[in-house]
Amino acid sequence: MNPNWQHSAVAVRRVHLFFSVLVLVTMVRQFFLGNFEGILMCLLTLGLFAVPTLIRRHTQIDLPILLEVLVLLFIFAAEILGEIHNFYGTFPYWDVMLHVINGFLAAAIGLSLVEILNQKDLFHSELSPLLLVLLAFTFSMTIGVLWEFF
């Protein structure tokens, strides 16, 4: 195992812990404000934070470190800053910014999944660059639609 990878994994755990503590502080604040919808949003956020760890544990798939940090940052920006702290109402282009980031992030996840699955002997296939771009685009659009349903 590469020592740099271990160092990066520790950094991801620290980022995860940092965002989790911020969410817990926000949840306590929401409790004292009597905002029970905000408490549920914080619990949902903590659940979403656990998804990369669950993927890693149950599938033995290691997500790229930067991608995992960006996913955590996006979830925090959308749920805690956007919804609870009303960044959607305070900053006129907050929603547009998150949609753009979500598009690129979903495309990166789609491409990463193809790369991760190609490393496994069972799923290995050679895809043309045009097909990879089409896959990234359709994956990104699907995630965007699911996000809007949410």
C-alpha atoms as a PDB file:
ATOM      1  CA  MET A   1       0.000   0.000   0.000  1.00  0.00           C
ATOM      2  CA  ASN A   2       1.303   3.406  -0.958  1.00  0.00           C
ATOM      3  CA  PRO A   3       2.213   5.539   2.109  1.00  0.00           C
ATOM      4  CA  ASN A   4       0.930   8.660   0.342  1.00  0.00           C
ATOM      5  CA  TRP A   5      -2.441   6.976  -0.023  1.00  0.00           C
ATOM      6  CA  GLN A   6      -2.580   6.321   3.713  1.00  0.00           C
ATOM      7  CA  HIS A   7      -1.654   9.938   4.395  1.00  0.00           C
ATOM      8  CA  SER A   8      -4.439  11.073   2.034  1.00  0.00           C
ATOM      9  CA  ALA A   9      -6.939   8.709   3.643  1.00  0.00           C
ATOM     10  CA  VAL A  10      -6.169  10.282   7.019  1.00  0.00           C
ATOM     11  CA  ALA A  11      -6.744  13.714   5.483  1.00  0.00           C
ATOM     12  CA  VAL A  12     -10.126  12.596   4.123  1.00  0.00           C
ATOM     13  CA  ARG A  13     -11.106  11.281   7.557  1.00  0.00           C
ATOM     14  CA  ARG A  14     -10.136  14.638   9.066  1.00  0.00           C
ATOM     15  CA  VAL A  15     -12.215  16.520   6.483  1.00  0.00           C
ATOM     16  CA  HIS A  16     -15.108  14.125   7.141  1.00  0.00           C
ATOM     17  CA  LEU A  17     -14.778  14.662  10.896  1.00  0.00           C
ATOM     18  CA  PHE A  18     -14.561  18.453  10.461  1.00  0.00           C
ATOM     19  CA  PHE A  19     -17.761  18.614   8.381  1.00  0.00           C
ATOM     20  CA  SER A  20     -19.527  16.164  10.703  1.00  0.00           C
ATOM     21  CA  VAL A  21     -18.702  18.314  13.738  1.00  0.00           C
ATOM     22  CA  LEU A  22     -20.024  21.402  11.920  1.00  0.00           C
ATOM     23  CA  VAL A  23     -23.241  19.522  11.126  1.00  0.00           C
ATOM     24  CA  LEU A  24     -23.596  18.397  14.753  1.00  0.00           C
ATOM     25  CA  VAL A  25     -23.090  21.963  15.986  1.00  0.00           C
ATOM     26  CA  THR A  26     -25.706  23.123  13.486  1.00  0.00           C
ATOM     27  CA  MET A  27     -28.071  20.372  14.666  1.00  0.00           C
ATOM     28  CA  VAL A  28     -27.716  21.450  18.313  1.00  0.00           C
ATOM     29  CA  ARG A  29     -28.368  25.056  17.256  1.00  0.00           C
ATOM     30  CA  GLN A  30     -31.466  23.970  15.329  1.00  0.00           C
ATOM     31  CA  PHE A  31     -32.708  22.122  18.416  1.00  0.00           C
ATOM     32  CA  PHE A  32     -32.437  25.248  20.559  1.00  0.00           C
ATOM     33  CA  LEU A  33     -34.148  27.289  17.840  1.00  0.00           C
ATOM     34  CA  GLY A  34     -36.989  24.755  17.770  1.00  0.00           C
ATOM     35  CA  ASN A  35     -36.418  24.019  14.081  1.00  0.00           C
ATOM     36  CA  PHE A  36     -37.097  20.286  13.917  1.00  0.00           C
ATOM     37  CA  GLU A  37     -37.034  20.292  10.116  1.00  0.00           C
ATOM     38  CA  GLY A  38     -33.450  21.589  10.393  1.00  0.00           C
ATOM     39  CA  ILE A  39     -32.599  18.739  12.768  1.00  0.00           C
ATOM     40  CA  LEU A  40     -33.934  16.224  10.232  1.00  0.00           C
ATOM     41  CA  MET A  41     -31.893  17.947   7.501  1.00  0.00           C
ATOM     42  CA  CYS A  42     -28.769  17.594   9.661  1.00  0.00           C
ATOM     43  CA  LEU A  43     -29.493  13.901  10.212  1.00  0.00           C
ATOM     44  CA  LEU A  44     -29.971  13.441   6.474  1.00  0.00           C
ATOM     45  CA  THR A  45     -26.662  15.216   5.858  1.00  0.00           C
ATOM     46  CA  LEU A  46     -24.851  12.929   8.296  1.00  0.00           C
ATOM     47  CA  GLY A  47     -26.414   9.956   6.514  1.00  0.00           C
ATOM     48  CA  LEU A  48     -25.246  11.248   3.140  1.00  0.00           C
ATOM     49  CA  PHE A  49     -21.760  11.776   4.583  1.00  0.00           C
ATOM     50  CA  ALA A  50     -21.677   8.055   5.406  1.00  0.00           C
ATOM     51  CA  VAL A  51     -22.354   6.937   1.818  1.00  0.00           C
ATOM     52  CA  PRO A  52     -18.714   7.017   0.581  1.00  0.00           C
ATOM     53  CA  THR A  53     -17.615   5.007   3.629  1.00  0.00           C
ATOM     54  CA  LEU A  54     -20.394   2.463   3.070  1.00  0.00           C
ATOM     55  CA  ILE A  55     -19.407   2.139  -0.584  1.00  0.00           C
ATOM     56  CA  ARG A  56     -15.782   1.569   0.408  1.00  0.00           C
ATOM     57  CA  ARG A  57     -16.651  -1.048   3.054  1.00  0.00           C
ATOM     58  CA  HIS A  58     -19.241  -3.042   1.133  1.00  0.00           C
ATOM     59  CA  THR A  59     -17.743  -3.026  -2.361  1.00  0.00           C
ATOM     60  CA  GLN A  60     -13.979  -2.746  -1.712  1.00  0.00           C
ATOM     61  CA  ILE A  61     -13.995   0.185  -4.141  1.00  0.00           C
ATOM     62  CA  ASP A  62     -11.730   3.050  -3.156  1.00  0.00           C
ATOM     63  CA  LEU A  63     -13.086   6.360  -4.363  1.00  0.00           C
ATOM     64  CA  PRO A  64     -10.509   8.915  -5.460  1.00  0.00           C
ATOM     65  CA  ILE A  65      -9.559  11.067  -2.466  1.00  0.00           C
ATOM     66  CA  LEU A  66     -10.295  14.405  -4.152  1.00  0.00           C
ATOM     67  CA  LEU A  67     -13.649  13.155  -5.392  1.00  0.00           C
ATOM     68  CA  GLU A  68     -14.669  12.063  -1.905  1.00  0.00           C
ATOM     69  CA  VAL A  69     -13.716  15.435  -0.409  1.00  0.00           C
ATOM     70  CA  LEU A  70     -15.613  17.280  -3.155  1.00  0.00           C
ATOM     71  CA  VAL A  71     -18.717  15.153  -2.536  1.00  0.00           C
ATOM     72  CA  LEU A  72     -18.592  15.972   1.195  1.00  0.00           C
ATOM     73  CA  LEU A  73     -18.125  19.664   0.425  1.00  0.00           C
ATOM     74  CA  PHE A  74     -21.021  19.646  -2.036  1.00  0.00           C
ATOM     75  CA  ILE A  75     -23.382  17.944   0.424  1.00  0.00           C
ATOM     76  CA  PHE A  76     -22.409  20.427   3.140  1.00  0.00           C
ATOM     77  CA  ALA A  77     -22.834  23.412   0.791  1.00  0.00           C
ATOM     78  CA  ALA A  78     -26.241  22.255  -0.447  1.00  0.00           C
ATOM     79  CA  GLU A  79     -27.838  21.004   2.747  1.00  0.00           C
ATOM     80  CA  ILE A  80     -26.313  22.952   5.621  1.00  0.00           C
ATOM     81  CA  LEU A  81     -25.317  26.220   3.986  1.00  0.00           C
ATOM     82  CA  GLY A  82     -28.029  26.278   1.307  1.00  0.00           C
ATOM     83  CA  GLU A  83     -31.048  24.976   3.162  1.00  0.00           C
ATOM     84  CA  ILE A  84     -30.461  25.601   6.866  1.00  0.00           C
ATOM     85  CA  HIS A  85     -28.432  28.818   6.675  1.00  0.00           C
ATOM     86  CA  ASN A  86     -30.508  30.120   3.724  1.00  0.00           C
ATOM     87  CA  PHE A  87     -27.660  30.684   1.281  1.00  0.00           C
ATOM     88  CA  TYR A  88     -30.218  30.034  -1.467  1.00  0.00           C
ATOM     89  CA  GLY A  89     -32.059  33.189  -0.419  1.00  0.00           C
ATOM     90  CA  THR A  90     -29.012  35.250   0.593  1.00  0.00           C
ATOM     91  CA  PHE A  91     -26.778  34.678  -2.434  1.00  0.00           C
ATOM     92  CA  PRO A  92     -28.604  35.049  -5.750  1.00  0.00           C
ATOM     93  CA  TYR A  93     -26.516  32.514  -7.690  1.00  0.00           C
ATOM     94  CA  TRP A  94     -25.981  29.899  -4.956  1.00  0.00           C
ATOM     95  CA  ASP A  95     -28.405  27.489  -6.621  1.00  0.00           C
ATOM     96  CA  VAL A  96     -26.850  27.985 -10.065  1.00  0.00           C
ATOM     97  CA  MET A  97     -23.356  27.458  -8.652  1.00  0.00           C
ATOM     98  CA  LEU A  98     -24.411  24.205  -6.971  1.00  0.00           C
ATOM     99  CA  HIS A  99     -26.079  22.972 -10.157  1.00  0.00           C
ATOM    100  CA  VAL A 100     -22.888  23.596 -12.156  1.00  0.00           C
ATOM    101  CA  ILE A 101     -20.737  21.904  -9.520  1.00  0.00           C
ATOM    102  CA  ASN A 102     -23.202  18.998  -9.334  1.00  0.00           C
ATOM    103  CA  GLY A 103     -22.964  18.500 -13.096  1.00  0.00           C
ATOM    104  CA  PHE A 104     -19.178  18.330 -13.080  1.00  0.00           C
ATOM    105  CA  LEU A 105     -19.116  16.244  -9.909  1.00  0.00           C
ATOM    106  CA  ALA A 106     -21.615  13.723 -11.263  1.00  0.00           C
ATOM    107  CA  ALA A 107     -19.647  13.452 -14.518  1.00  0.00           C
ATOM    108  CA  ALA A 108     -16.456  12.881 -12.521  1.00  0.00           C
ATOM    109  CA  ILE A 109     -18.188  10.186 -10.470  1.00  0.00           C
ATOM    110  CA  GLY A 110     -19.395   8.489 -13.656  1.00  0.00           C
ATOM    111  CA  LEU A 111     -15.920   8.522 -15.185  1.00  0.00           C
ATOM    112  CA  SER A 112     -14.388   7.343 -11.921  1.00  0.00           C
ATOM    113  CA  LEU A 113     -16.829   4.439 -11.754  1.00  0.00           C
ATOM    114  CA  VAL A 114     -15.830   3.346 -15.261  1.00  0.00           C
ATOM    115  CA  GLU A 115     -12.146   3.594 -14.317  1.00  0.00           C
ATOM    116  CA  ILE A 116     -12.665   1.723 -11.034  1.00  0.00           C
ATOM    117  CA  LEU A 117     -14.679  -1.023 -12.728  1.00  0.00           C
ATOM    118  CA  ASN A 118     -12.078  -1.291 -15.511  1.00  0.00           C
ATOM    119  CA  GLN A 119      -9.463  -2.122 -12.867  1.00  0.00           C
ATOM    120  CA  LYS A 120     -11.457  -5.237 -11.961  1.00  0.00           C
ATOM    121  CA  ASP A 121     -10.974  -8.261 -14.234  1.00  0.00           C
ATOM    122  CA  LEU A 122     -14.681  -9.067 -14.248  1.00  0.00           C
ATOM    123  CA  PHE A 123     -15.752  -5.697 -15.725  1.00  0.00           C
ATOM    124  CA  HIS A 124     -12.773  -4.766 -17.889  1.00  0.00           C
ATOM    125  CA  SER A 125     -13.697  -3.248 -21.276  1.00  0.00           C
ATOM    126  CA  GLU A 126     -12.174  -0.758 -23.652  1.00  0.00           C
ATOM    127  CA  LEU A 127     -14.498   2.177 -24.263  1.00  0.00           C
ATOM    128  CA  SER A 128     -14.013   4.819 -26.911  1.00  0.00           C
ATOM    129  CA  PRO A 129     -13.542   8.411 -25.717  1.00  0.00           C
ATOM    130  CA  LEU A 130     -16.860   9.387 -27.320  1.00  0.00           C
ATOM    131  CA  LEU A 131     -18.661   6.655 -25.383  1.00  0.00           C
ATOM    132  CA  LEU A 132     -16.969   7.774 -22.145  1.00  0.00           C
ATOM    133  CA  VAL A 133     -18.136  11.345 -22.695  1.00  0.00           C
ATOM    134  CA  LEU A 134     -21.661  10.115 -23.470  1.00  0.00           C
ATOM    135  CA  LEU A 135     -21.624   7.974 -20.326  1.00  0.00           C
ATOM    136  CA  ALA A 136     -20.413  10.892 -18.187  1.00  0.00           C
ATOM    137  CA  PHE A 137     -23.071  13.185 -19.665  1.00  0.00           C
ATOM    138  CA  THR A 138     -25.962  10.759 -19.178  1.00  0.00           C
ATOM    139  CA  PHE A 139     -24.810   9.834 -15.668  1.00  0.00           C
ATOM    140  CA  SER A 140     -24.570  13.537 -14.794  1.00  0.00           C
ATOM    141  CA  MET A 141     -28.051  14.257 -16.158  1.00  0.00           C
ATOM    142  CA  THR A 142     -29.537  11.295 -14.289  1.00  0.00           C
ATOM    143  CA  ILE A 143     -27.981  12.395 -11.001  1.00  0.00           C
ATOM    144  CA  GLY A 144     -29.211  15.954 -11.660  1.00  0.00           C
ATOM    145  CA  VAL A 145     -32.781  14.734 -12.199  1.00  0.00           C
ATOM    146  CA  LEU A 146     -32.658  12.596  -9.065  1.00  0.00           C
ATOM    147  CA  TRP A 147     -31.297  15.581  -7.123  1.00  0.00           C
ATOM    148  CA  GLU A 148     -34.205  17.732  -8.337  1.00  0.00           C
ATOM    149  CA  PHE A 149     -36.674  15.051  -7.242  1.00  0.00           C
ATOM    150  CA  PHE A 150     -35.063  15.190  -3.807  1.00  0.00           C
END
